[in-house]
Amino acid sequence: MGFRRRQQVGGCGIALVAACLTGWNWYIVVTRGYFYRRVGLFFPAVFILGIAFALFPGYKEERLARGEDISKLHGWRLITPRWWVILALALAAAAANTVLMASRQP
């Protein structure tokens, strides 16, 4: 199994676990009236990132495929515009999930 295929399978696995934990947190808020704020913030974002890992190559692979020299890029400067959008969507999903869960509390 190649690297990209492992990345896709791993992304699907990450998304599945995150979806299950997000669903569990929703179950708790609906049945018991409270929720775990950290779970509500973290796992929706992880779900989006898992789906992105399954659908798109990583930011480093994306730059290498375009023939870019990444030897002088480190940390945040490696992230491509596509991955910045994905990160923004992940943070928005986390915030929206938490707000919705908080509105379900009595």
PDB file of N, CA and C in Angstrom:
ATOM      1  N   MET A   1       0.848  -1.166   0.000  1.00  0.00           N
ATOM      2  CA  MET A   1       0.000   0.000   0.000  1.00  0.00           C
ATOM      3  C   MET A   1       0.895   1.231   0.000  1.00  0.00           C
ATOM      4  N   GLY A   2       0.635   2.145  -0.931  1.00  0.00           N
ATOM      5  CA  GLY A   2       1.432   3.354  -1.064  1.00  0.00           C
ATOM      6  C   GLY A   2       1.109   4.389   0.008  1.00  0.00           C
ATOM      7  N   PHE A   3       1.961   5.395   0.057  1.00  0.00           N
ATOM      8  CA  PHE A   3       1.809   6.443   1.066  1.00  0.00           C
ATOM      9  C   PHE A   3       0.472   7.153   0.944  1.00  0.00           C
ATOM     10  N   ARG A   4       0.085   7.505  -0.272  1.00  0.00           N
ATOM     11  CA  ARG A   4      -1.166   8.245  -0.468  1.00  0.00           C
ATOM     12  C   ARG A   4      -2.363   7.410  -0.034  1.00  0.00           C
ATOM     13  N   ARG A   5      -2.351   6.118  -0.348  1.00  0.00           N
ATOM     14  CA  ARG A   5      -3.459   5.241   0.045  1.00  0.00           C
ATOM     15  C   ARG A   5      -3.535   5.138   1.575  1.00  0.00           C
ATOM     16  N   ARG A   6      -2.385   5.025   2.241  1.00  0.00           N
ATOM     17  CA  ARG A   6      -2.370   4.992   3.710  1.00  0.00           C
ATOM     18  C   ARG A   6      -2.906   6.298   4.282  1.00  0.00           C
ATOM     19  N   GLN A   7      -2.550   7.412   3.633  1.00  0.00           N
ATOM     20  CA  GLN A   7      -3.040   8.709   4.083  1.00  0.00           C
ATOM     21  C   GLN A   7      -4.563   8.785   3.934  1.00  0.00           C
ATOM     22  N   GLN A   8      -5.102   8.255   2.857  1.00  0.00           N
ATOM     23  CA  GLN A   8      -6.547   8.267   2.641  1.00  0.00           C
ATOM     24  C   GLN A   8      -7.270   7.386   3.666  1.00  0.00           C
ATOM     25  N   VAL A   9      -6.734   6.192   3.895  1.00  0.00           N
ATOM     26  CA  VAL A   9      -7.345   5.291   4.877  1.00  0.00           C
ATOM     27  C   VAL A   9      -7.262   5.899   6.271  1.00  0.00           C
ATOM     28  N   GLY A  10      -6.111   6.474   6.599  1.00  0.00           N
ATOM     29  CA  GLY A  10      -5.959   7.129   7.896  1.00  0.00           C
ATOM     30  C   GLY A  10      -6.910   8.298   8.059  1.00  0.00           C
ATOM     31  N   GLY A  11      -7.076   9.094   7.004  1.00  0.00           N
ATOM     32  CA  GLY A  11      -8.007  10.209   7.047  1.00  0.00           C
ATOM     33  C   GLY A  11      -9.439   9.749   7.275  1.00  0.00           C
ATOM     34  N   CYS A  12      -9.821   8.662   6.609  1.00  0.00           N
ATOM     35  CA  CYS A  12     -11.169   8.112   6.817  1.00  0.00           C
ATOM     36  C   CYS A  12     -11.334   7.600   8.243  1.00  0.00           C
ATOM     37  N   GLY A  13     -10.300   6.950   8.768  1.00  0.00           N
ATOM     38  CA  GLY A  13     -10.357   6.462  10.146  1.00  0.00           C
ATOM     39  C   GLY A  13     -10.465   7.601  11.151  1.00  0.00           C
ATOM     40  N   ILE A  14      -9.679   8.635  10.943  1.00  0.00           N
ATOM     41  CA  ILE A  14      -9.729   9.809  11.813  1.00  0.00           C
ATOM     42  C   ILE A  14     -11.113  10.446  11.760  1.00  0.00           C
ATOM     43  N   ALA A  15     -11.654  10.598  10.552  1.00  0.00           N
ATOM     44  CA  ALA A  15     -12.978  11.202  10.398  1.00  0.00           C
ATOM     45  C   ALA A  15     -14.052  10.349  11.068  1.00  0.00           C
ATOM     46  N   LEU A  16     -13.939   9.032  10.957  1.00  0.00           N
ATOM     47  CA  LEU A  16     -14.925   8.140  11.565  1.00  0.00           C
ATOM     48  C   LEU A  16     -14.911   8.253  13.090  1.00  0.00           C
ATOM     49  N   VAL A  17     -13.735   8.215  13.681  1.00  0.00           N
ATOM     50  CA  VAL A  17     -13.628   8.334  15.141  1.00  0.00           C
ATOM     51  C   VAL A  17     -14.156   9.697  15.596  1.00  0.00           C
ATOM     52  N   ALA A  18     -13.788  10.755  14.884  1.00  0.00           N
ATOM     53  CA  ALA A  18     -14.243  12.095  15.251  1.00  0.00           C
ATOM     54  C   ALA A  18     -15.764  12.217  15.120  1.00  0.00           C
ATOM     55  N   ALA A  19     -16.330  11.623  14.085  1.00  0.00           N
ATOM     56  CA  ALA A  19     -17.784  11.665  13.907  1.00  0.00           C
ATOM     57  C   ALA A  19     -18.483  10.911  15.038  1.00  0.00           C
ATOM     58  N   CYS A  20     -17.936   9.775  15.427  1.00  0.00           N
ATOM     59  CA  CYS A  20     -18.528   9.003  16.523  1.00  0.00           C
ATOM     60  C   CYS A  20     -18.484   9.785  17.833  1.00  0.00           C
ATOM     61  N   LEU A  21     -17.378  10.409  18.133  1.00  0.00           N
ATOM     62  CA  LEU A  21     -17.267  11.161  19.385  1.00  0.00           C
ATOM     63  C   LEU A  21     -18.130  12.423  19.360  1.00  0.00           C
ATOM     64  N   THR A  22     -18.251  13.047  18.211  1.00  0.00           N
ATOM     65  CA  THR A  22     -19.144  14.201  18.092  1.00  0.00           C
ATOM     66  C   THR A  22     -20.590  13.755  18.283  1.00  0.00           C
ATOM     67  N   GLY A  23     -20.951  12.634  17.659  1.00  0.00           N
ATOM     68  CA  GLY A  23     -22.299  12.094  17.824  1.00  0.00           C
ATOM     69  C   GLY A  23     -22.597  11.704  19.270  1.00  0.00           C
ATOM     70  N   TRP A  24     -21.622  11.110  19.939  1.00  0.00           N
ATOM     71  CA  TRP A  24     -21.768  10.753  21.355  1.00  0.00           C
ATOM     72  C   TRP A  24     -22.008  12.008  22.192  1.00  0.00           C
ATOM     73  N   ASN A  25     -21.279  13.071  21.903  1.00  0.00           N
ATOM     74  CA  ASN A  25     -21.449  14.318  22.642  1.00  0.00           C
ATOM     75  C   ASN A  25     -22.845  14.894  22.396  1.00  0.00           C
ATOM     76  N   TRP A  26     -23.336  14.782  21.169  1.00  0.00           N
ATOM     77  CA  TRP A  26     -24.697  15.241  20.868  1.00  0.00           C
ATOM     78  C   TRP A  26     -25.729  14.390  21.603  1.00  0.00           C
ATOM     79  N   TYR A  27     -25.487  13.096  21.675  1.00  0.00           N
ATOM     80  CA  TYR A  27     -26.381  12.207  22.410  1.00  0.00           C
ATOM     81  C   TYR A  27     -26.473  12.651  23.868  1.00  0.00           C
ATOM     82  N   ILE A  28     -25.338  12.973  24.458  1.00  0.00           N
ATOM     83  CA  ILE A  28     -25.314  13.411  25.850  1.00  0.00           C
ATOM     84  C   ILE A  28     -26.076  14.725  26.023  1.00  0.00           C
ATOM     85  N   VAL A  29     -25.876  15.664  25.127  1.00  0.00           N
ATOM     86  CA  VAL A  29     -26.562  16.955  25.298  1.00  0.00           C
ATOM     87  C   VAL A  29     -28.072  16.802  25.131  1.00  0.00           C
ATOM     88  N   VAL A  30     -28.497  15.916  24.251  1.00  0.00           N
ATOM     89  CA  VAL A  30     -29.934  15.730  24.029  1.00  0.00           C
ATOM     90  C   VAL A  30     -30.572  14.947  25.174  1.00  0.00           C
ATOM     91  N   THR A  31     -29.890  13.911  25.662  1.00  0.00           N
ATOM     92  CA  THR A  31     -30.507  13.057  26.682  1.00  0.00           C
ATOM     93  C   THR A  31     -30.264  13.536  28.111  1.00  0.00           C
ATOM     94  N   ARG A  32     -29.135  14.189  28.357  1.00  0.00           N
ATOM     95  CA  ARG A  32     -28.800  14.564  29.734  1.00  0.00           C
ATOM     96  C   ARG A  32     -28.734  16.069  29.972  1.00  0.00           C
ATOM     97  N   GLY A  33     -28.717  16.848  28.905  1.00  0.00           N
ATOM     98  CA  GLY A  33     -28.769  18.292  29.066  1.00  0.00           C
ATOM     99  C   GLY A  33     -27.442  18.978  29.291  1.00  0.00           C
ATOM    100  N   TYR A  34     -26.364  18.283  29.152  1.00  0.00           N
ATOM    101  CA  TYR A  34     -25.038  18.899  29.246  1.00  0.00           C
ATOM    102  C   TYR A  34     -24.144  18.292  28.172  1.00  0.00           C
ATOM    103  N   PHE A  35     -22.983  18.875  27.950  1.00  0.00           N
ATOM    104  CA  PHE A  35     -22.044  18.325  26.979  1.00  0.00           C
ATOM    105  C   PHE A  35     -20.629  18.671  27.398  1.00  0.00           C
ATOM    106  N   TYR A  36     -19.701  17.984  26.786  1.00  0.00           N
ATOM    107  CA  TYR A  36     -18.294  18.226  27.055  1.00  0.00           C
ATOM    108  C   TYR A  36     -17.780  19.246  26.041  1.00  0.00           C
ATOM    109  N   ARG A  37     -17.489  20.432  26.529  1.00  0.00           N
ATOM    110  CA  ARG A  37     -17.124  21.545  25.656  1.00  0.00           C
ATOM    111  C   ARG A  37     -15.873  21.234  24.818  1.00  0.00           C
ATOM    112  N   ARG A  38     -14.874  20.624  25.407  1.00  0.00           N
ATOM    113  CA  ARG A  38     -13.650  20.323  24.659  1.00  0.00           C
ATOM    114  C   ARG A  38     -13.907  19.325  23.544  1.00  0.00           C
ATOM    115  N   VAL A  39     -14.752  18.329  23.808  1.00  0.00           N
ATOM    116  CA  VAL A  39     -15.125  17.364  22.770  1.00  0.00           C
ATOM    117  C   VAL A  39     -15.902  18.085  21.674  1.00  0.00           C
ATOM    118  N   GLY A  40     -16.802  18.987  22.070  1.00  0.00           N
ATOM    119  CA  GLY A  40     -17.596  19.753  21.107  1.00  0.00           C
ATOM    120  C   GLY A  40     -16.758  20.673  20.234  1.00  0.00           C
ATOM    121  N   LEU A  41     -15.658  21.138  20.763  1.00  0.00           N
ATOM    122  CA  LEU A  41     -14.769  22.011  19.981  1.00  0.00           C
ATOM    123  C   LEU A  41     -13.775  21.217  19.138  1.00  0.00           C
ATOM    124  N   PHE A  42     -13.209  20.181  19.707  1.00  0.00           N
ATOM    125  CA  PHE A  42     -12.091  19.493  19.074  1.00  0.00           C
ATOM    126  C   PHE A  42     -12.507  18.544  17.954  1.00  0.00           C
ATOM    127  N   PHE A  43     -13.469  17.679  18.215  1.00  0.00           N
ATOM    128  CA  PHE A  43     -13.735  16.604  17.266  1.00  0.00           C
ATOM    129  C   PHE A  43     -14.440  17.015  15.976  1.00  0.00           C
ATOM    130  N   PRO A  44     -15.294  18.037  15.945  1.00  0.00           N
ATOM    131  CA  PRO A  44     -15.790  18.478  14.632  1.00  0.00           C
ATOM    132  C   PRO A  44     -14.654  18.994  13.737  1.00  0.00           C
ATOM    133  N   ALA A  45     -13.687  19.678  14.340  1.00  0.00           N
ATOM    134  CA  ALA A  45     -12.534  20.145  13.563  1.00  0.00           C
ATOM    135  C   ALA A  45     -11.712  18.967  13.071  1.00  0.00           C
ATOM    136  N   VAL A  46     -11.523  17.970  13.922  1.00  0.00           N
ATOM    137  CA  VAL A  46     -10.771  16.776  13.534  1.00  0.00           C
ATOM    138  C   VAL A  46     -11.499  16.027  12.419  1.00  0.00           C
ATOM    139  N   PHE A  47     -12.827  16.009  12.469  1.00  0.00           N
ATOM    140  CA  PHE A  47     -13.607  15.373  11.402  1.00  0.00           C
ATOM    141  C   PHE A  47     -13.318  16.031  10.051  1.00  0.00           C
ATOM    142  N   ILE A  48     -13.362  17.354  10.011  1.00  0.00           N
ATOM    143  CA  ILE A  48     -13.084  18.083   8.766  1.00  0.00           C
ATOM    144  C   ILE A  48     -11.666  17.794   8.286  1.00  0.00           C
ATOM    145  N   LEU A  49     -10.712  17.789   9.188  1.00  0.00           N
ATOM    146  CA  LEU A  49      -9.325  17.506   8.804  1.00  0.00           C
ATOM    147  C   LEU A  49      -9.168  16.074   8.304  1.00  0.00           C
ATOM    148  N   GLY A  50      -9.839  15.131   8.930  1.00  0.00           N
ATOM    149  CA  GLY A  50      -9.784  13.740   8.469  1.00  0.00           C
ATOM    150  C   GLY A  50     -10.332  13.585   7.057  1.00  0.00           C
ATOM    151  N   ILE A  51     -11.459  14.229   6.788  1.00  0.00           N
ATOM    152  CA  ILE A  51     -12.032  14.198   5.432  1.00  0.00           C
ATOM    153  C   ILE A  51     -11.051  14.835   4.438  1.00  0.00           C
ATOM    154  N   ALA A  52     -10.434  15.934   4.836  1.00  0.00           N
ATOM    155  CA  ALA A  52      -9.476  16.609   3.954  1.00  0.00           C
ATOM    156  C   ALA A  52      -8.264  15.728   3.669  1.00  0.00           C
ATOM    157  N   PHE A  53      -7.773  15.015   4.689  1.00  0.00           N
ATOM    158  CA  PHE A  53      -6.651  14.097   4.470  1.00  0.00           C
ATOM    159  C   PHE A  53      -7.024  12.996   3.492  1.00  0.00           C
ATOM    160  N   ALA A  54      -8.275  12.559   3.545  1.00  0.00           N
ATOM    161  CA  ALA A  54      -8.730  11.508   2.641  1.00  0.00           C
ATOM    162  C   ALA A  54      -8.892  12.022   1.206  1.00  0.00           C
ATOM    163  N   LEU A  55      -9.290  13.282   1.058  1.00  0.00           N
ATOM    164  CA  LEU A  55      -9.583  13.816  -0.274  1.00  0.00           C
ATOM    165  C   LEU A  55      -8.395  14.481  -0.968  1.00  0.00           C
ATOM    166  N   PHE A  56      -7.532  15.130  -0.196  1.00  0.00           N
ATOM    167  CA  PHE A  56      -6.458  15.937  -0.782  1.00  0.00           C
ATOM    168  C   PHE A  56      -5.096  15.465  -0.284  1.00  0.00           C
ATOM    169  N   PRO A  57      -4.071  15.670  -1.090  1.00  0.00           N
ATOM    170  CA  PRO A  57      -2.725  15.382  -0.583  1.00  0.00           C
ATOM    171  C   PRO A  57      -2.353  16.398   0.491  1.00  0.00           C
ATOM    172  N   GLY A  58      -1.412  16.039   1.328  1.00  0.00           N
ATOM    173  CA  GLY A  58      -0.966  16.943   2.375  1.00  0.00           C
ATOM    174  C   GLY A  58      -0.338  18.192   1.784  1.00  0.00           C
ATOM    175  N   TYR A  59      -0.228  19.222   2.597  1.00  0.00           N
ATOM    176  CA  TYR A  59       0.299  20.492   2.095  1.00  0.00           C
ATOM    177  C   TYR A  59       1.743  20.353   1.608  1.00  0.00           C
ATOM    178  N   LYS A  60       2.519  19.512   2.260  1.00  0.00           N
ATOM    179  CA  LYS A  60       3.911  19.313   1.834  1.00  0.00           C
ATOM    180  C   LYS A  60       3.952  18.587   0.485  1.00  0.00           C
ATOM    181  N   GLU A  61       3.150  17.542   0.338  1.00  0.00           N
ATOM    182  CA  GLU A  61       3.089  16.810  -0.925  1.00  0.00           C
ATOM    183  C   GLU A  61       2.564  17.688  -2.055  1.00  0.00           C
ATOM    184  N   GLU A  62       1.618  18.565  -1.715  1.00  0.00           N
ATOM    185  CA  GLU A  62       1.053  19.482  -2.704  1.00  0.00           C
ATOM    186  C   GLU A  62       2.137  20.418  -3.244  1.00  0.00           C
ATOM    187  N   ARG A  63       2.947  20.954  -2.350  1.00  0.00           N
ATOM    188  CA  ARG A  63       4.033  21.852  -2.788  1.00  0.00           C
ATOM    189  C   ARG A  63       5.079  21.097  -3.605  1.00  0.00           C
ATOM    190  N   LEU A  64       5.424  19.894  -3.181  1.00  0.00           N
ATOM    191  CA  LEU A  64       6.421  19.102  -3.915  1.00  0.00           C
ATOM    192  C   LEU A  64       5.904  18.721  -5.308  1.00  0.00           C
ATOM    193  N   ALA A  65       4.625  18.399  -5.418  1.00  0.00           N
ATOM    194  CA  ALA A  65       4.037  18.041  -6.712  1.00  0.00           C
ATOM    195  C   ALA A  65       4.065  19.211  -7.691  1.00  0.00           C
ATOM    196  N   ARG A  66       4.010  20.432  -7.165  1.00  0.00           N
ATOM    197  CA  ARG A  66       4.090  21.616  -8.029  1.00  0.00           C
ATOM    198  C   ARG A  66       5.528  21.980  -8.355  1.00  0.00           C
ATOM    199  N   GLY A  67       6.472  21.263  -7.783  1.00  0.00           N
ATOM    200  CA  GLY A  67       7.875  21.522  -8.069  1.00  0.00           C
ATOM    201  C   GLY A  67       8.476  22.644  -7.257  1.00  0.00           C
ATOM    202  N   GLU A  68       7.842  23.005  -6.154  1.00  0.00           N
ATOM    203  CA  GLU A  68       8.342  24.088  -5.321  1.00  0.00           C
ATOM    204  C   GLU A  68       9.508  23.608  -4.457  1.00  0.00           C
ATOM    205  N   ASP A  69      10.419  24.509  -4.183  1.00  0.00           N
ATOM    206  CA  ASP A  69      11.520  24.229  -3.274  1.00  0.00           C
ATOM    207  C   ASP A  69      11.053  24.529  -1.858  1.00  0.00           C
ATOM    208  N   ILE A  70      10.960  23.494  -1.036  1.00  0.00           N
ATOM    209  CA  ILE A  70      10.466  23.701   0.326  1.00  0.00           C
ATOM    210  C   ILE A  70      11.594  23.679   1.356  1.00  0.00           C
ATOM    211  N   SER A  71      12.826  23.684   0.890  1.00  0.00           N
ATOM    212  CA  SER A  71      13.956  23.587   1.816  1.00  0.00           C
ATOM    213  C   SER A  71      14.044  24.788   2.762  1.00  0.00           C
ATOM    214  N   LYS A  72      13.556  25.936   2.342  1.00  0.00           N
ATOM    215  CA  LYS A  72      13.628  27.131   3.184  1.00  0.00           C
ATOM    216  C   LYS A  72      12.301  27.444   3.877  1.00  0.00           C
ATOM    217  N   LEU A  73      11.292  26.612   3.635  1.00  0.00           N
ATOM    218  CA  LEU A  73       9.994  26.813   4.263  1.00  0.00           C
ATOM    219  C   LEU A  73       9.876  25.909   5.487  1.00  0.00           C
ATOM    220  N   HIS A  74       9.419  26.486   6.578  1.00  0.00           N
ATOM    221  CA  HIS A  74       9.246  25.728   7.809  1.00  0.00           C
ATOM    222  C   HIS A  74       7.953  26.156   8.485  1.00  0.00           C
ATOM    223  N   GLY A  75       7.373  25.222   9.224  1.00  0.00           N
ATOM    224  CA  GLY A  75       6.195  25.538  10.024  1.00  0.00           C
ATOM    225  C   GLY A  75       5.017  26.027   9.203  1.00  0.00           C
ATOM    226  N   TRP A  76       4.464  27.162   9.645  1.00  0.00           N
ATOM    227  CA  TRP A  76       3.249  27.710   9.033  1.00  0.00           C
ATOM    228  C   TRP A  76       3.446  28.112   7.580  1.00  0.00           C
ATOM    229  N   ARG A  77       4.677  28.422   7.186  1.00  0.00           N
ATOM    230  CA  ARG A  77       4.900  28.861   5.800  1.00  0.00           C
ATOM    231  C   ARG A  77       4.768  27.718   4.804  1.00  0.00           C
ATOM    232  N   LEU A  78       4.792  26.480   5.272  1.00  0.00           N
ATOM    233  CA  LEU A  78       4.587  25.331   4.391  1.00  0.00           C
ATOM    234  C   LEU A  78       3.122  25.170   3.973  1.00  0.00           C
ATOM    235  N   ILE A  79       2.220  25.669   4.775  1.00  0.00           N
ATOM    236  CA  ILE A  79       0.795  25.445   4.522  1.00  0.00           C
ATOM    237  C   ILE A  79       0.358  26.191   3.270  1.00  0.00           C
ATOM    238  N   THR A  80      -0.348  25.478   2.410  1.00  0.00           N
ATOM    239  CA  THR A  80      -0.819  26.041   1.141  1.00  0.00           C
ATOM    240  C   THR A  80      -2.162  26.749   1.347  1.00  0.00           C
ATOM    241  N   PRO A  81      -2.564  27.597   0.395  1.00  0.00           N
ATOM    242  CA  PRO A  81      -3.867  28.275   0.523  1.00  0.00           C
ATOM    243  C   PRO A  81      -5.034  27.302   0.703  1.00  0.00           C
ATOM    244  N   ARG A  82      -4.994  26.174   0.002  1.00  0.00           N
ATOM    245  CA  ARG A  82      -6.071  25.184   0.148  1.00  0.00           C
ATOM    246  C   ARG A  82      -6.172  24.708   1.595  1.00  0.00           C
ATOM    247  N   TRP A  83      -5.031  24.438   2.213  1.00  0.00           N
ATOM    248  CA  TRP A  83      -5.044  23.950   3.583  1.00  0.00           C
ATOM    249  C   TRP A  83      -5.394  25.045   4.580  1.00  0.00           C
ATOM    250  N   TRP A  84      -5.132  26.301   4.268  1.00  0.00           N
ATOM    251  CA  TRP A  84      -5.601  27.399   5.118  1.00  0.00           C
ATOM    252  C   TRP A  84      -7.125  27.443   5.113  1.00  0.00           C
ATOM    253  N   VAL A  85      -7.720  27.238   3.936  1.00  0.00           N
ATOM    254  CA  VAL A  85      -9.193  27.214   3.838  1.00  0.00           C
ATOM    255  C   VAL A  85      -9.742  26.037   4.630  1.00  0.00           C
ATOM    256  N   ILE A  86      -9.098  24.878   4.510  1.00  0.00           N
ATOM    257  CA  ILE A  86      -9.543  23.696   5.255  1.00  0.00           C
ATOM    258  C   ILE A  86      -9.460  23.949   6.757  1.00  0.00           C
ATOM    259  N   LEU A  87      -8.373  24.556   7.202  1.00  0.00           N
ATOM    260  CA  LEU A  87      -8.236  24.885   8.627  1.00  0.00           C
ATOM    261  C   LEU A  87      -9.320  25.860   9.083  1.00  0.00           C
ATOM    262  N   ALA A  88      -9.618  26.847   8.248  1.00  0.00           N
ATOM    263  CA  ALA A  88     -10.679  27.806   8.587  1.00  0.00           C
ATOM    264  C   ALA A  88     -12.030  27.104   8.673  1.00  0.00           C
ATOM    265  N   LEU A  89     -12.314  26.193   7.736  1.00  0.00           N
ATOM    266  CA  LEU A  89     -13.569  25.430   7.786  1.00  0.00           C
ATOM    267  C   LEU A  89     -13.634  24.561   9.035  1.00  0.00           C
ATOM    268  N   ALA A  90     -12.517  23.960   9.400  1.00  0.00           N
ATOM    269  CA  ALA A  90     -12.480  23.120  10.599  1.00  0.00           C
ATOM    270  C   ALA A  90     -12.770  23.945  11.849  1.00  0.00           C
ATOM    271  N   LEU A  91     -12.171  25.115  11.943  1.00  0.00           N
ATOM    272  CA  LEU A  91     -12.422  25.979  13.103  1.00  0.00           C
ATOM    273  C   LEU A  91     -13.858  26.482  13.123  1.00  0.00           C
ATOM    274  N   ALA A  92     -14.399  26.797  11.952  1.00  0.00           N
ATOM    275  CA  ALA A  92     -15.795  27.241  11.871  1.00  0.00           C
ATOM    276  C   ALA A  92     -16.745  26.118  12.281  1.00  0.00           C
ATOM    277  N   ALA A  93     -16.461  24.890  11.863  1.00  0.00           N
ATOM    278  CA  ALA A  93     -17.297  23.746  12.256  1.00  0.00           C
ATOM    279  C   ALA A  93     -17.250  23.535  13.765  1.00  0.00           C
ATOM    280  N   ALA A  94     -16.060  23.673  14.342  1.00  0.00           N
ATOM    281  CA  ALA A  94     -15.922  23.511  15.787  1.00  0.00           C
ATOM    282  C   ALA A  94     -16.723  24.572  16.530  1.00  0.00           C
ATOM    283  N   ALA A  95     -16.620  25.808  16.095  1.00  0.00           N
ATOM    284  CA  ALA A  95     -17.349  26.896  16.745  1.00  0.00           C
ATOM    285  C   ALA A  95     -18.858  26.723  16.587  1.00  0.00           C
ATOM    286  N   ALA A  96     -19.299  26.399  15.373  1.00  0.00           N
ATOM    287  CA  ALA A  96     -20.731  26.223  15.125  1.00  0.00           C
ATOM    288  C   ALA A  96     -21.296  25.071  15.947  1.00  0.00           C
ATOM    289  N   ASN A  97     -20.563  23.978  16.025  1.00  0.00           N
ATOM    290  CA  ASN A  97     -21.022  22.824  16.809  1.00  0.00           C
ATOM    291  C   ASN A  97     -21.172  23.212  18.279  1.00  0.00           C
ATOM    292  N   THR A  98     -20.211  23.916  18.809  1.00  0.00           N
ATOM    293  CA  THR A  98     -20.264  24.299  20.217  1.00  0.00           C
ATOM    294  C   THR A  98     -21.418  25.257  20.497  1.00  0.00           C
ATOM    295  N   VAL A  99     -21.631  26.210  19.611  1.00  0.00           N
ATOM    296  CA  VAL A  99     -22.747  27.140  19.785  1.00  0.00           C
ATOM    297  C   VAL A  99     -24.078  26.407  19.730  1.00  0.00           C
ATOM    298  N   LEU A 100     -24.223  25.479  18.786  1.00  0.00           N
ATOM    299  CA  LEU A 100     -25.465  24.708  18.676  1.00  0.00           C
ATOM    300  C   LEU A 100     -25.689  23.845  19.916  1.00  0.00           C
ATOM    301  N   MET A 101     -24.624  23.234  20.401  1.00  0.00           N
ATOM    302  CA  MET A 101     -24.764  22.409  21.600  1.00  0.00           C
ATOM    303  C   MET A 101     -25.139  23.255  22.811  1.00  0.00           C
ATOM    304  N   ALA A 102     -24.530  24.410  22.929  1.00  0.00           N
ATOM    305  CA  ALA A 102     -24.846  25.291  24.058  1.00  0.00           C
ATOM    306  C   ALA A 102     -26.296  25.759  23.995  1.00  0.00           C
ATOM    307  N   SER A 103     -26.820  25.934  22.795  1.00  0.00           N
ATOM    308  CA  SER A 103     -28.209  26.379  22.670  1.00  0.00           C
ATOM    309  C   SER A 103     -29.198  25.260  23.017  1.00  0.00           C
ATOM    310  N   ARG A 104     -28.741  24.009  23.021  1.00  0.00           N
ATOM    311  CA  ARG A 104     -29.601  22.873  23.365  1.00  0.00           C
ATOM    312  C   ARG A 104     -29.667  22.628  24.865  1.00  0.00           C
ATOM    313  N   GLN A 105     -28.795  23.271  25.611  1.00  0.00           N
ATOM    314  CA  GLN A 105     -28.807  23.074  27.057  1.00  0.00           C
ATOM    315  C   GLN A 105     -29.991  23.817  27.665  1.00  0.00           C
ATOM    316  N   PRO A 106     -30.544  23.249  28.731  1.00  0.00           N
ATOM    317  CA  PRO A 106     -31.680  23.933  29.397  1.00  0.00           C
ATOM    318  C   PRO A 106     -31.247  25.180  30.123  1.00  0.00           C
TER     319      PRO A 106
END
